[in-house]
């Protein structure tokens, strides 16, 4: 029962954070920030959000900026979900680099295919 509630709240927070980042990054041309996953603690006091940044080279810079503005983001989130949640959770942000990892593995697989196709059988 509790886990279902956690999942529903995590999805709500993910959706609202995505909308917040979408409106804030609209001013920064060439940068896109999306919330790939949200996890919420069992007591609903801490929300861990994983961000995917495009282009990935600016990931650390964007993460630093987001962490510096975490209180403002939490306030904005609070104004959006104040009717659904009694307590707005503390926000923690991390870079989700799984797409970069997948891309790196694809590159390695392509290199392996090229090598095997060049070798005589």
PDB file of N, CA and C in Angstrom:
ATOM      1  N   UNK A   1       0.827  -1.200   0.000  1.00  0.00           N
ATOM      2  CA  UNK A   1       0.000   0.000   0.000  1.00  0.00           C
ATOM      3  C   UNK A   1       0.869   1.262   0.000  1.00  0.00           C
ATOM      4  N   UNK A   2       1.835   1.297   0.907  1.00  0.00           N
ATOM      5  CA  UNK A   2       2.703   2.468   1.008  1.00  0.00           C
ATOM      6  C   UNK A   2       3.530   2.656  -0.262  1.00  0.00           C
ATOM      7  N   UNK A   3       3.987   1.545  -0.850  1.00  0.00           N
ATOM      8  CA  UNK A   3       4.810   1.638  -2.050  1.00  0.00           C
ATOM      9  C   UNK A   3       4.026   2.226  -3.224  1.00  0.00           C
ATOM     10  N   UNK A   4       2.757   1.893  -3.334  1.00  0.00           N
ATOM     11  CA  UNK A   4       1.916   2.448  -4.390  1.00  0.00           C
ATOM     12  C   UNK A   4       1.797   3.952  -4.235  1.00  0.00           C
ATOM     13  N   UNK A   5       1.625   4.405  -3.014  1.00  0.00           N
ATOM     14  CA  UNK A   5       1.527   5.841  -2.754  1.00  0.00           C
ATOM     15  C   UNK A   5       2.848   6.531  -3.100  1.00  0.00           C
ATOM     16  N   UNK A   6       3.958   5.931  -2.721  1.00  0.00           N
ATOM     17  CA  UNK A   6       5.274   6.487  -3.053  1.00  0.00           C
ATOM     18  C   UNK A   6       5.428   6.628  -4.563  1.00  0.00           C
ATOM     19  N   UNK A   7       5.033   5.604  -5.309  1.00  0.00           N
ATOM     20  CA  UNK A   7       5.156   5.640  -6.771  1.00  0.00           C
ATOM     21  C   UNK A   7       4.284   6.736  -7.373  1.00  0.00           C
ATOM     22  N   UNK A   8       3.069   6.885  -6.866  1.00  0.00           N
ATOM     23  CA  UNK A   8       2.181   7.923  -7.382  1.00  0.00           C
ATOM     24  C   UNK A   8       2.746   9.312  -7.119  1.00  0.00           C
ATOM     25  N   UNK A   9       3.264   9.519  -5.922  1.00  0.00           N
ATOM     26  CA  UNK A   9       3.840  10.817  -5.580  1.00  0.00           C
ATOM     27  C   UNK A   9       5.105  11.067  -6.396  1.00  0.00           C
ATOM     28  N   UNK A  10       5.935  10.029  -6.591  1.00  0.00           N
ATOM     29  CA  UNK A  10       7.147  10.177  -7.381  1.00  0.00           C
ATOM     30  C   UNK A  10       6.812  10.561  -8.820  1.00  0.00           C
ATOM     31  N   UNK A  11       5.776   9.943  -9.388  1.00  0.00           N
ATOM     32  CA  UNK A  11       5.371  10.291 -10.756  1.00  0.00           C
ATOM     33  C   UNK A  11       4.863  11.727 -10.826  1.00  0.00           C
ATOM     34  N   UNK A  12       4.101  12.145  -9.824  1.00  0.00           N
ATOM     35  CA  UNK A  12       3.597  13.522  -9.775  1.00  0.00           C
ATOM     36  C   UNK A  12       4.763  14.508  -9.720  1.00  0.00           C
ATOM     37  N   UNK A  13       5.728  14.240  -8.838  1.00  0.00           N
ATOM     38  CA  UNK A  13       6.880  15.128  -8.700  1.00  0.00           C
ATOM     39  C   UNK A  13       7.713  15.146  -9.984  1.00  0.00           C
ATOM     40  N   UNK A  14       7.877  13.993 -10.618  1.00  0.00           N
ATOM     41  CA  UNK A  14       8.642  13.919 -11.864  1.00  0.00           C
ATOM     42  C   UNK A  14       7.982  14.782 -12.936  1.00  0.00           C
ATOM     43  N   UNK A  15       6.678  14.676 -13.050  1.00  0.00           N
ATOM     44  CA  UNK A  15       5.949  15.444 -14.060  1.00  0.00           C
ATOM     45  C   UNK A  15       6.080  16.943 -13.802  1.00  0.00           C
ATOM     46  N   UNK A  16       5.877  17.354 -12.564  1.00  0.00           N
ATOM     47  CA  UNK A  16       5.928  18.782 -12.233  1.00  0.00           C
ATOM     48  C   UNK A  16       7.347  19.336 -12.367  1.00  0.00           C
ATOM     49  N   UNK A  17       8.352  18.564 -11.928  1.00  0.00           N
ATOM     50  CA  UNK A  17       9.735  19.023 -12.082  1.00  0.00           C
ATOM     51  C   UNK A  17      10.100  19.149 -13.561  1.00  0.00           C
ATOM     52  N   UNK A  18       9.609  18.223 -14.380  1.00  0.00           N
ATOM     53  CA  UNK A  18       9.865  18.301 -15.821  1.00  0.00           C
ATOM     54  C   UNK A  18       9.310  19.591 -16.395  1.00  0.00           C
ATOM     55  N   UNK A  19       8.099  19.956 -15.978  1.00  0.00           N
ATOM     56  CA  UNK A  19       7.488  21.194 -16.465  1.00  0.00           C
ATOM     57  C   UNK A  19       8.269  22.421 -15.995  1.00  0.00           C
ATOM     58  N   UNK A  20       8.754  22.386 -14.756  1.00  0.00           N
ATOM     59  CA  UNK A  20       9.547  23.501 -14.221  1.00  0.00           C
ATOM     60  C   UNK A  20      10.833  23.656 -15.025  1.00  0.00           C
ATOM     61  N   UNK A  21      11.553  22.545 -15.247  1.00  0.00           N
ATOM     62  CA  UNK A  21      12.808  22.618 -16.006  1.00  0.00           C
ATOM     63  C   UNK A  21      12.563  23.015 -17.455  1.00  0.00           C
ATOM     64  N   UNK A  22      11.448  22.571 -18.009  1.00  0.00           N
ATOM     65  CA  UNK A  22      11.125  22.924 -19.384  1.00  0.00           C
ATOM     66  C   UNK A  22      10.931  24.436 -19.513  1.00  0.00           C
ATOM     67  N   UNK A  23      10.229  25.028 -18.565  1.00  0.00           N
ATOM     68  CA  UNK A  23      10.007  26.478 -18.642  1.00  0.00           C
ATOM     69  C   UNK A  23      11.286  27.257 -18.361  1.00  0.00           C
ATOM     70  N   UNK A  24      12.142  26.753 -17.476  1.00  0.00           N
ATOM     71  CA  UNK A  24      13.380  27.471 -17.146  1.00  0.00           C
ATOM     72  C   UNK A  24      14.431  27.344 -18.238  1.00  0.00           C
ATOM     73  N   UNK A  25      14.506  26.206 -18.902  1.00  0.00           N
ATOM     74  CA  UNK A  25      15.539  26.026 -19.925  1.00  0.00           C
ATOM     75  C   UNK A  25      15.102  26.569 -21.277  1.00  0.00           C
ATOM     76  N   UNK A  26      13.871  27.006 -21.395  1.00  0.00           N
ATOM     77  CA  UNK A  26      13.415  27.594 -22.647  1.00  0.00           C
ATOM     78  C   UNK A  26      14.242  28.837 -22.978  1.00  0.00           C
ATOM     79  N   UNK A  27      14.707  29.534 -21.941  1.00  0.00           N
ATOM     80  CA  UNK A  27      15.514  30.745 -22.143  1.00  0.00           C
ATOM     81  C   UNK A  27      16.954  30.407 -22.542  1.00  0.00           C
ATOM     82  N   UNK A  28      17.417  29.213 -22.206  1.00  0.00           N
ATOM     83  CA  UNK A  28      18.788  28.795 -22.535  1.00  0.00           C
ATOM     84  C   UNK A  28      18.750  28.005 -23.833  1.00  0.00           C
ATOM     85  N   UNK A  29      19.034  28.655 -24.924  1.00  0.00           N
ATOM     86  CA  UNK A  29      18.944  28.003 -26.236  1.00  0.00           C
ATOM     87  C   UNK A  29      20.002  26.910 -26.361  1.00  0.00           C
ATOM     88  N   UNK A  30      19.583  25.776 -26.902  1.00  0.00           N
ATOM     89  CA  UNK A  30      20.512  24.680 -27.137  1.00  0.00           C
ATOM     90  C   UNK A  30      20.712  23.761 -25.952  1.00  0.00           C
ATOM     91  N   UNK A  31      19.963  23.967 -24.860  1.00  0.00           N
ATOM     92  CA  UNK A  31      20.091  23.110 -23.678  1.00  0.00           C
ATOM     93  C   UNK A  31      18.729  22.512 -23.367  1.00  0.00           C
ATOM     94  N   UNK A  32      18.731  21.204 -23.090  1.00  0.00           N
ATOM     95  CA  UNK A  32      17.488  20.541 -22.718  1.00  0.00           C
ATOM     96  C   UNK A  32      17.731  19.714 -21.450  1.00  0.00           C
ATOM     97  N   UNK A  33      16.888  19.912 -20.462  1.00  0.00           N
ATOM     98  CA  UNK A  33      16.982  19.162 -19.215  1.00  0.00           C
ATOM     99  C   UNK A  33      15.679  18.390 -19.043  1.00  0.00           C
ATOM    100  N   UNK A  34      15.800  17.084 -18.840  1.00  0.00           N
ATOM    101  CA  UNK A  34      14.608  16.282 -18.587  1.00  0.00           C
ATOM    102  C   UNK A  34      14.818  15.458 -17.320  1.00  0.00           C
ATOM    103  N   UNK A  35      13.724  15.200 -16.636  1.00  0.00           N
ATOM    104  CA  UNK A  35      13.762  14.412 -15.409  1.00  0.00           C
ATOM    105  C   UNK A  35      13.464  12.965 -15.804  1.00  0.00           C
ATOM    106  N   UNK A  36      14.491  12.111 -15.710  1.00  0.00           N
ATOM    107  CA  UNK A  36      14.313  10.732 -16.158  1.00  0.00           C
ATOM    108  C   UNK A  36      13.677   9.849 -15.101  1.00  0.00           C
ATOM    109  N   UNK A  37      13.937  10.172 -13.824  1.00  0.00           N
ATOM    110  CA  UNK A  37      13.415   9.310 -12.757  1.00  0.00           C
ATOM    111  C   UNK A  37      13.358  10.092 -11.452  1.00  0.00           C
ATOM    112  N   UNK A  38      12.354   9.804 -10.656  1.00  0.00           N
ATOM    113  CA  UNK A  38      12.245  10.374  -9.313  1.00  0.00           C
ATOM    114  C   UNK A  38      12.034   9.242  -8.325  1.00  0.00           C
ATOM    115  N   UNK A  39      12.729   9.320  -7.234  1.00  0.00           N
ATOM    116  CA  UNK A  39      12.533   8.359  -6.138  1.00  0.00           C
ATOM    117  C   UNK A  39      12.196   9.171  -4.901  1.00  0.00           C
ATOM    118  N   UNK A  40      11.256   8.668  -4.118  1.00  0.00           N
ATOM    119  CA  UNK A  40      10.882   9.378  -2.894  1.00  0.00           C
ATOM    120  C   UNK A  40      11.081   8.457  -1.709  1.00  0.00           C
ATOM    121  N   UNK A  41      11.557   9.026  -0.611  1.00  0.00           N
ATOM    122  CA  UNK A  41      11.819   8.221   0.583  1.00  0.00           C
ATOM    123  C   UNK A  41      10.496   7.742   1.183  1.00  0.00           C
ATOM    124  N   UNK A  42      10.523   6.659   1.976  1.00  0.00           N
ATOM    125  CA  UNK A  42       9.284   6.114   2.549  1.00  0.00           C
ATOM    126  C   UNK A  42       8.506   7.121   3.401  1.00  0.00           C
ATOM    127  N   UNK A  43       9.215   8.055   4.055  1.00  0.00           N
ATOM    128  CA  UNK A  43       8.497   9.053   4.858  1.00  0.00           C
ATOM    129  C   UNK A  43       8.115  10.290   4.038  1.00  0.00           C
ATOM    130  N   UNK A  44       8.350  10.246   2.710  1.00  0.00           N
ATOM    131  CA  UNK A  44       7.986  11.298   1.761  1.00  0.00           C
ATOM    132  C   UNK A  44       8.689  12.625   2.026  1.00  0.00           C
ATOM    133  N   UNK A  45       9.839  12.594   2.690  1.00  0.00           N
ATOM    134  CA  UNK A  45      10.524  13.839   3.029  1.00  0.00           C
ATOM    135  C   UNK A  45      11.660  14.177   2.072  1.00  0.00           C
ATOM    136  N   UNK A  46      12.152  13.199   1.307  1.00  0.00           N
ATOM    137  CA  UNK A  46      13.275  13.441   0.401  1.00  0.00           C
ATOM    138  C   UNK A  46      12.926  12.888  -0.980  1.00  0.00           C
ATOM    139  N   UNK A  47      13.074  13.733  -1.984  1.00  0.00           N
ATOM    140  CA  UNK A  47      12.864  13.322  -3.368  1.00  0.00           C
ATOM    141  C   UNK A  47      14.204  13.384  -4.084  1.00  0.00           C
ATOM    142  N   UNK A  48      14.618  12.259  -4.658  1.00  0.00           N
ATOM    143  CA  UNK A  48      15.847  12.193  -5.428  1.00  0.00           C
ATOM    144  C   UNK A  48      15.458  12.195  -6.896  1.00  0.00           C
ATOM    145  N   UNK A  49      15.884  13.233  -7.621  1.00  0.00           N
ATOM    146  CA  UNK A  49      15.535  13.373  -9.028  1.00  0.00           C
ATOM    147  C   UNK A  49      16.782  13.180  -9.878  1.00  0.00           C
ATOM    148  N   UNK A  50      16.642  12.376 -10.928  1.00  0.00           N
ATOM    149  CA  UNK A  50      17.741  12.126 -11.854  1.00  0.00           C
ATOM    150  C   UNK A  50      17.487  12.921 -13.131  1.00  0.00           C
ATOM    151  N   UNK A  51      18.461  13.756 -13.501  1.00  0.00           N
ATOM    152  CA  UNK A  51      18.312  14.656 -14.634  1.00  0.00           C
ATOM    153  C   UNK A  51      19.164  14.190 -15.803  1.00  0.00           C
ATOM    154  N   UNK A  52      18.585  14.266 -16.978  1.00  0.00           N
ATOM    155  CA  UNK A  52      19.319  14.006 -18.206  1.00  0.00           C
ATOM    156  C   UNK A  52      19.492  15.348 -18.901  1.00  0.00           C
ATOM    157  N   UNK A  53      20.738  15.692 -19.206  1.00  0.00           N
ATOM    158  CA  UNK A  53      21.050  16.996 -19.791  1.00  0.00           C
ATOM    159  C   UNK A  53      21.574  16.796 -21.204  1.00  0.00           C
ATOM    160  N   UNK A  54      21.022  17.586 -22.131  1.00  0.00           N
ATOM    161  CA  UNK A  54      21.534  17.588 -23.501  1.00  0.00           C
ATOM    162  C   UNK A  54      21.942  19.002 -23.842  1.00  0.00           C
ATOM    163  N   UNK A  55      23.123  19.265 -24.283  1.00  0.00           N
ATOM    164  CA  UNK A  55      24.234  18.345 -24.534  1.00  0.00           C
ATOM    165  C   UNK A  55      24.890  17.901 -23.229  1.00  0.00           C
ATOM    166  N   UNK A  56      25.356  16.667 -23.195  1.00  0.00           N
ATOM    167  CA  UNK A  56      25.864  16.080 -21.953  1.00  0.00           C
ATOM    168  C   UNK A  56      27.137  16.745 -21.457  1.00  0.00           C
ATOM    169  N   UNK A  57      27.851  17.480 -22.341  1.00  0.00           N
ATOM    170  CA  UNK A  57      29.070  18.170 -21.899  1.00  0.00           C
ATOM    171  C   UNK A  57      28.757  19.241 -20.854  1.00  0.00           C
ATOM    172  N   UNK A  58      27.553  19.770 -20.897  1.00  0.00           N
ATOM    173  CA  UNK A  58      27.171  20.828 -19.957  1.00  0.00           C
ATOM    174  C   UNK A  58      26.485  20.282 -18.709  1.00  0.00           C
ATOM    175  N   UNK A  59      26.506  18.977 -18.539  1.00  0.00           N
ATOM    176  CA  UNK A  59      25.802  18.337 -17.432  1.00  0.00           C
ATOM    177  C   UNK A  59      26.224  18.832 -16.065  1.00  0.00           C
ATOM    178  N   UNK A  60      27.534  18.881 -15.812  1.00  0.00           N
ATOM    179  CA  UNK A  60      28.025  19.302 -14.495  1.00  0.00           C
ATOM    180  C   UNK A  60      27.674  20.759 -14.217  1.00  0.00           C
ATOM    181  N   UNK A  61      27.795  21.600 -15.245  1.00  0.00           N
ATOM    182  CA  UNK A  61      27.462  23.020 -15.104  1.00  0.00           C
ATOM    183  C   UNK A  61      25.981  23.199 -14.762  1.00  0.00           C
ATOM    184  N   UNK A  62      25.124  22.478 -15.475  1.00  0.00           N
ATOM    185  CA  UNK A  62      23.678  22.564 -15.243  1.00  0.00           C
ATOM    186  C   UNK A  62      23.333  22.015 -13.864  1.00  0.00           C
ATOM    187  N   UNK A  63      23.945  20.895 -13.477  1.00  0.00           N
ATOM    188  CA  UNK A  63      23.678  20.313 -12.159  1.00  0.00           C
ATOM    189  C   UNK A  63      24.066  21.284 -11.048  1.00  0.00           C
ATOM    190  N   UNK A  64      25.209  21.939 -11.200  1.00  0.00           N
ATOM    191  CA  UNK A  64      25.646  22.936 -10.211  1.00  0.00           C
ATOM    192  C   UNK A  64      24.625  24.068 -10.116  1.00  0.00           C
ATOM    193  N   UNK A  65      24.157  24.528 -11.258  1.00  0.00           N
ATOM    194  CA  UNK A  65      23.165  25.594 -11.316  1.00  0.00           C
ATOM    195  C   UNK A  65      21.852  25.163 -10.649  1.00  0.00           C
ATOM    196  N   UNK A  66      21.426  23.935 -10.932  1.00  0.00           N
ATOM    197  CA  UNK A  66      20.190  23.409 -10.346  1.00  0.00           C
ATOM    198  C   UNK A  66      20.328  23.294  -8.833  1.00  0.00           C
ATOM    199  N   UNK A  67      21.474  22.772  -8.360  1.00  0.00           N
ATOM    200  CA  UNK A  67      21.679  22.645  -6.912  1.00  0.00           C
ATOM    201  C   UNK A  67      21.724  24.005  -6.221  1.00  0.00           C
ATOM    202  N   UNK A  68      22.278  25.009  -6.897  1.00  0.00           N
ATOM    203  CA  UNK A  68      22.303  26.354  -6.323  1.00  0.00           C
ATOM    204  C   UNK A  68      20.901  26.953  -6.218  1.00  0.00           C
ATOM    205  N   UNK A  69      20.014  26.545  -7.117  1.00  0.00           N
ATOM    206  CA  UNK A  69      18.645  27.074  -7.139  1.00  0.00           C
ATOM    207  C   UNK A  69      17.622  26.074  -6.595  1.00  0.00           C
ATOM    208  N   UNK A  70      18.066  25.098  -5.816  1.00  0.00           N
ATOM    209  CA  UNK A  70      17.172  24.039  -5.326  1.00  0.00           C
ATOM    210  C   UNK A  70      16.029  24.604  -4.479  1.00  0.00           C
ATOM    211  N   UNK A  71      16.302  25.638  -3.690  1.00  0.00           N
ATOM    212  CA  UNK A  71      15.243  26.212  -2.841  1.00  0.00           C
ATOM    213  C   UNK A  71      14.159  26.870  -3.696  1.00  0.00           C
ATOM    214  N   UNK A  72      14.575  27.562  -4.744  1.00  0.00           N
ATOM    215  CA  UNK A  72      13.612  28.204  -5.644  1.00  0.00           C
ATOM    216  C   UNK A  72      12.788  27.152  -6.378  1.00  0.00           C
ATOM    217  N   UNK A  73      13.452  26.079  -6.810  1.00  0.00           N
ATOM    218  CA  UNK A  73      12.756  24.989  -7.511  1.00  0.00           C
ATOM    219  C   UNK A  73      11.765  24.321  -6.573  1.00  0.00           C
ATOM    220  N   UNK A  74      12.172  24.129  -5.320  1.00  0.00           N
ATOM    221  CA  UNK A  74      11.268  23.513  -4.330  1.00  0.00           C
ATOM    222  C   UNK A  74      10.059  24.403  -4.073  1.00  0.00           C
ATOM    223  N   UNK A  75      10.279  25.723  -4.012  1.00  0.00           N
ATOM    224  CA  UNK A  75       9.172  26.653  -3.816  1.00  0.00           C
ATOM    225  C   UNK A  75       8.206  26.582  -4.992  1.00  0.00           C
ATOM    226  N   UNK A  76       8.756  26.596  -6.208  1.00  0.00           N
ATOM    227  CA  UNK A  76       7.926  26.500  -7.413  1.00  0.00           C
ATOM    228  C   UNK A  76       7.142  25.191  -7.427  1.00  0.00           C
ATOM    229  N   UNK A  77       7.815  24.100  -7.044  1.00  0.00           N
ATOM    230  CA  UNK A  77       7.149  22.798  -6.961  1.00  0.00           C
ATOM    231  C   UNK A  77       6.020  22.845  -5.933  1.00  0.00           C
ATOM    232  N   UNK A  78       6.290  23.502  -4.803  1.00  0.00           N
ATOM    233  CA  UNK A  78       5.283  23.627  -3.752  1.00  0.00           C
ATOM    234  C   UNK A  78       4.040  24.366  -4.218  1.00  0.00           C
ATOM    235  N   UNK A  79       4.223  25.414  -5.007  1.00  0.00           N
ATOM    236  CA  UNK A  79       3.053  26.147  -5.497  1.00  0.00           C
ATOM    237  C   UNK A  79       2.236  25.310  -6.471  1.00  0.00           C
ATOM    238  N   UNK A  80       2.890  24.374  -7.165  1.00  0.00           N
ATOM    239  CA  UNK A  80       2.181  23.535  -8.135  1.00  0.00           C
ATOM    240  C   UNK A  80       1.448  22.357  -7.492  1.00  0.00           C
ATOM    241  N   UNK A  81       2.010  21.781  -6.414  1.00  0.00           N
ATOM    242  CA  UNK A  81       1.421  20.560  -5.837  1.00  0.00           C
ATOM    243  C   UNK A  81       0.878  20.784  -4.423  1.00  0.00           C
ATOM    244  N   UNK A  82       0.690  22.018  -4.038  1.00  0.00           N
ATOM    245  CA  UNK A  82       0.267  22.268  -2.651  1.00  0.00           C
ATOM    246  C   UNK A  82      -1.092  21.673  -2.313  1.00  0.00           C
ATOM    247  N   UNK A  83      -1.929  21.435  -3.330  1.00  0.00           N
ATOM    248  CA  UNK A  83      -3.230  20.835  -3.057  1.00  0.00           C
ATOM    249  C   UNK A  83      -3.167  19.309  -2.951  1.00  0.00           C
ATOM    250  N   UNK A  84      -2.089  18.710  -3.477  1.00  0.00           N
ATOM    251  CA  UNK A  84      -1.967  17.258  -3.428  1.00  0.00           C
ATOM    252  C   UNK A  84      -1.096  16.773  -2.279  1.00  0.00           C
ATOM    253  N   UNK A  85      -0.088  17.563  -1.889  1.00  0.00           N
ATOM    254  CA  UNK A  85       0.851  17.138  -0.855  1.00  0.00           C
ATOM    255  C   UNK A  85       0.826  18.106   0.315  1.00  0.00           C
ATOM    256  N   UNK A  86       0.894  17.542   1.504  1.00  0.00           N
ATOM    257  CA  UNK A  86       0.930  18.377   2.691  1.00  0.00           C
ATOM    258  C   UNK A  86       2.330  18.952   2.913  1.00  0.00           C
ATOM    259  N   UNK A  87       3.350  18.096   2.735  1.00  0.00           N
ATOM    260  CA  UNK A  87       4.735  18.516   2.933  1.00  0.00           C
ATOM    261  C   UNK A  87       5.471  18.365   1.603  1.00  0.00           C
ATOM    262  N   UNK A  88       6.152  19.409   1.192  1.00  0.00           N
ATOM    263  CA  UNK A  88       6.939  19.359  -0.040  1.00  0.00           C
ATOM    264  C   UNK A  88       8.299  18.758   0.320  1.00  0.00           C
ATOM    265  N   UNK A  89       8.699  17.678  -0.351  1.00  0.00           N
ATOM    266  CA  UNK A  89       9.950  17.007   0.026  1.00  0.00           C
ATOM    267  C   UNK A  89      11.183  17.837  -0.308  1.00  0.00           C
ATOM    268  N   UNK A  90      12.255  17.555   0.424  1.00  0.00           N
ATOM    269  CA  UNK A  90      13.560  18.139   0.112  1.00  0.00           C
ATOM    270  C   UNK A  90      14.019  17.527  -1.209  1.00  0.00           C
ATOM    271  N   UNK A  91      14.608  18.356  -2.068  1.00  0.00           N
ATOM    272  CA  UNK A  91      14.998  17.887  -3.397  1.00  0.00           C
ATOM    273  C   UNK A  91      16.490  17.633  -3.468  1.00  0.00           C
ATOM    274  N   UNK A  92      16.843  16.511  -4.067  1.00  0.00           N
ATOM    275  CA  UNK A  92      18.244  16.179  -4.331  1.00  0.00           C
ATOM    276  C   UNK A  92      18.340  15.810  -5.804  1.00  0.00           C
ATOM    277  N   UNK A  93      19.328  16.382  -6.472  1.00  0.00           N
ATOM    278  CA  UNK A  93      19.465  16.182  -7.917  1.00  0.00           C
ATOM    279  C   UNK A  93      20.763  15.461  -8.253  1.00  0.00           C
ATOM    280  N   UNK A  94      20.669  14.552  -9.219  1.00  0.00           N
ATOM    281  CA  UNK A  94      21.827  13.818  -9.714  1.00  0.00           C
ATOM    282  C   UNK A  94      21.734  13.736 -11.230  1.00  0.00           C
ATOM    283  N   UNK A  95      22.889  13.615 -11.879  1.00  0.00           N
ATOM    284  CA  UNK A  95      22.913  13.448 -13.332  1.00  0.00           C
ATOM    285  C   UNK A  95      22.635  11.986 -13.659  1.00  0.00           C
ATOM    286  N   UNK A  96      21.714  11.763 -14.573  1.00  0.00           N
ATOM    287  CA  UNK A  96      21.439  10.419 -15.071  1.00  0.00           C
ATOM    288  C   UNK A  96      22.253  10.245 -16.347  1.00  0.00           C
ATOM    289  N   UNK A  97      23.354   9.534 -16.248  1.00  0.00           N
ATOM    290  CA  UNK A  97      24.239   9.377 -17.397  1.00  0.00           C
ATOM    291  C   UNK A  97      24.039   8.035 -18.095  1.00  0.00           C
ATOM    292  N   UNK A  98      22.895   7.419 -17.913  1.00  0.00           N
ATOM    293  CA  UNK A  98      22.656   6.111 -18.518  1.00  0.00           C
ATOM    294  C   UNK A  98      22.631   6.193 -20.044  1.00  0.00           C
ATOM    295  N   UNK A  99      22.146   7.306 -20.617  1.00  0.00           N
ATOM    296  CA  UNK A  99      22.133   7.442 -22.074  1.00  0.00           C
ATOM    297  C   UNK A  99      23.555   7.524 -22.619  1.00  0.00           C
ATOM    298  N   UNK A 100      24.443   8.250 -21.921  1.00  0.00           N
ATOM    299  CA  UNK A 100      25.846   8.313 -22.342  1.00  0.00           C
ATOM    300  C   UNK A 100      26.498   6.938 -22.253  1.00  0.00           C
ATOM    301  N   UNK A 101      26.149   6.199 -21.206  1.00  0.00           N
ATOM    302  CA  UNK A 101      26.691   4.856 -21.015  1.00  0.00           C
ATOM    303  C   UNK A 101      26.242   3.935 -22.155  1.00  0.00           C
ATOM    304  N   UNK A 102      24.980   4.005 -22.522  1.00  0.00           N
ATOM    305  CA  UNK A 102      24.442   3.194 -23.620  1.00  0.00           C
ATOM    306  C   UNK A 102      25.135   3.568 -24.931  1.00  0.00           C
ATOM    307  N   UNK A 103      25.319   4.865 -25.150  1.00  0.00           N
ATOM    308  CA  UNK A 103      25.987   5.333 -26.366  1.00  0.00           C
ATOM    309  C   UNK A 103      27.421   4.811 -26.434  1.00  0.00           C
ATOM    310  N   UNK A 104      28.116   4.814 -25.296  1.00  0.00           N
ATOM    311  CA  UNK A 104      29.487   4.323 -25.237  1.00  0.00           C
ATOM    312  C   UNK A 104      29.539   2.819 -25.568  1.00  0.00           C
ATOM    313  N   UNK A 105      28.605   2.065 -25.029  1.00  0.00           N
ATOM    314  CA  UNK A 105      28.556   0.624 -25.305  1.00  0.00           C
ATOM    315  C   UNK A 105      28.267   0.385 -26.792  1.00  0.00           C
ATOM    316  N   UNK A 106      27.361   1.167 -27.383  1.00  0.00           N
ATOM    317  CA  UNK A 106      27.076   1.036 -28.817  1.00  0.00           C
ATOM    318  C   UNK A 106      28.327   1.281 -29.655  1.00  0.00           C
ATOM    319  N   UNK A 107      29.099   2.314 -29.282  1.00  0.00           N
ATOM    320  CA  UNK A 107      30.330   2.614 -30.011  1.00  0.00           C
ATOM    321  C   UNK A 107      31.308   1.444 -29.921  1.00  0.00           C
ATOM    322  N   UNK A 108      31.444   0.872 -28.716  1.00  0.00           N
ATOM    323  CA  UNK A 108      32.347  -0.269 -28.545  1.00  0.00           C
ATOM    324  C   UNK A 108      31.891  -1.464 -29.365  1.00  0.00           C
ATOM    325  N   UNK A 109      30.578  -1.711 -29.411  1.00  0.00           N
ATOM    326  CA  UNK A 109      30.053  -2.828 -30.204  1.00  0.00           C
ATOM    327  C   UNK A 109      30.300  -2.610 -31.696  1.00  0.00           C
ATOM    328  N   UNK A 110      30.128  -1.361 -32.152  1.00  0.00           N
ATOM    329  CA  UNK A 110      30.372  -1.068 -33.572  1.00  0.00           C
ATOM    330  C   UNK A 110      31.840  -1.274 -33.926  1.00  0.00           C
ATOM    331  N   UNK A 111      32.746  -0.868 -33.028  1.00  0.00           N
ATOM    332  CA  UNK A 111      34.177  -1.071 -33.263  1.00  0.00           C
ATOM    333  C   UNK A 111      34.493  -2.559 -33.329  1.00  0.00           C
ATOM    334  N   UNK A 112      33.852  -3.336 -32.456  1.00  0.00           N
ATOM    335  CA  UNK A 112      34.061  -4.780 -32.457  1.00  0.00           C
ATOM    336  C   UNK A 112      33.553  -5.413 -33.737  1.00  0.00           C
ATOM    337  N   UNK A 113      32.417  -4.945 -34.259  1.00  0.00           N
ATOM    338  CA  UNK A 113      31.877  -5.463 -35.517  1.00  0.00           C
ATOM    339  C   UNK A 113      32.801  -5.126 -36.675  1.00  0.00           C
ATOM    340  N   UNK A 114      33.341  -3.900 -36.680  1.00  0.00           N
ATOM    341  CA  UNK A 114      34.253  -3.497 -37.756  1.00  0.00           C
ATOM    342  C   UNK A 114      35.502  -4.355 -37.779  1.00  0.00           C
ATOM    343  N   UNK A 115      36.059  -4.622 -36.586  1.00  0.00           N
ATOM    344  CA  UNK A 115      37.264  -5.440 -36.495  1.00  0.00           C
ATOM    345  C   UNK A 115      36.974  -6.866 -36.988  1.00  0.00           C
ATOM    346  N   UNK A 116      35.833  -7.419 -36.577  1.00  0.00           N
ATOM    347  CA  UNK A 116      35.531  -8.803 -36.962  1.00  0.00           C
ATOM    348  C   UNK A 116      35.230  -8.909 -38.452  1.00  0.00           C
ATOM    349  N   UNK A 117      34.691  -7.864 -39.055  1.00  0.00           N
ATOM    350  CA  UNK A 117      34.398  -7.920 -40.501  1.00  0.00           C
ATOM    351  C   UNK A 117      35.670  -7.765 -41.340  1.00  0.00           C
ATOM    352  N   UNK A 118      36.713  -7.108 -40.796  1.00  0.00           N
ATOM    353  CA  UNK A 118      37.962  -6.920 -41.526  1.00  0.00           C
ATOM    354  C   UNK A 118      38.849  -8.155 -41.462  1.00  0.00           C
ATOM    355  N   UNK A 119      38.712  -8.947 -40.391  1.00  0.00           N
ATOM    356  CA  UNK A 119      39.547 -10.137 -40.232  1.00  0.00           C
ATOM    357  C   UNK A 119      39.060 -11.233 -41.179  1.00  0.00           C
ATOM    358  N   UNK A 120      40.012 -11.933 -41.848  1.00  0.00           N
ATOM    359  CA  UNK A 120      39.596 -13.044 -42.734  1.00  0.00           C
ATOM    360  C   UNK A 120      39.094 -14.232 -41.896  1.00  0.00           C
ATOM    361  N   UNK A 121      38.104 -14.913 -42.413  1.00  0.00           N
ATOM    362  CA  UNK A 121      37.533 -16.072 -41.699  1.00  0.00           C
ATOM    363  C   UNK A 121      38.109 -17.360 -42.179  1.00  0.00           C
TER     364      UNK A 121
END
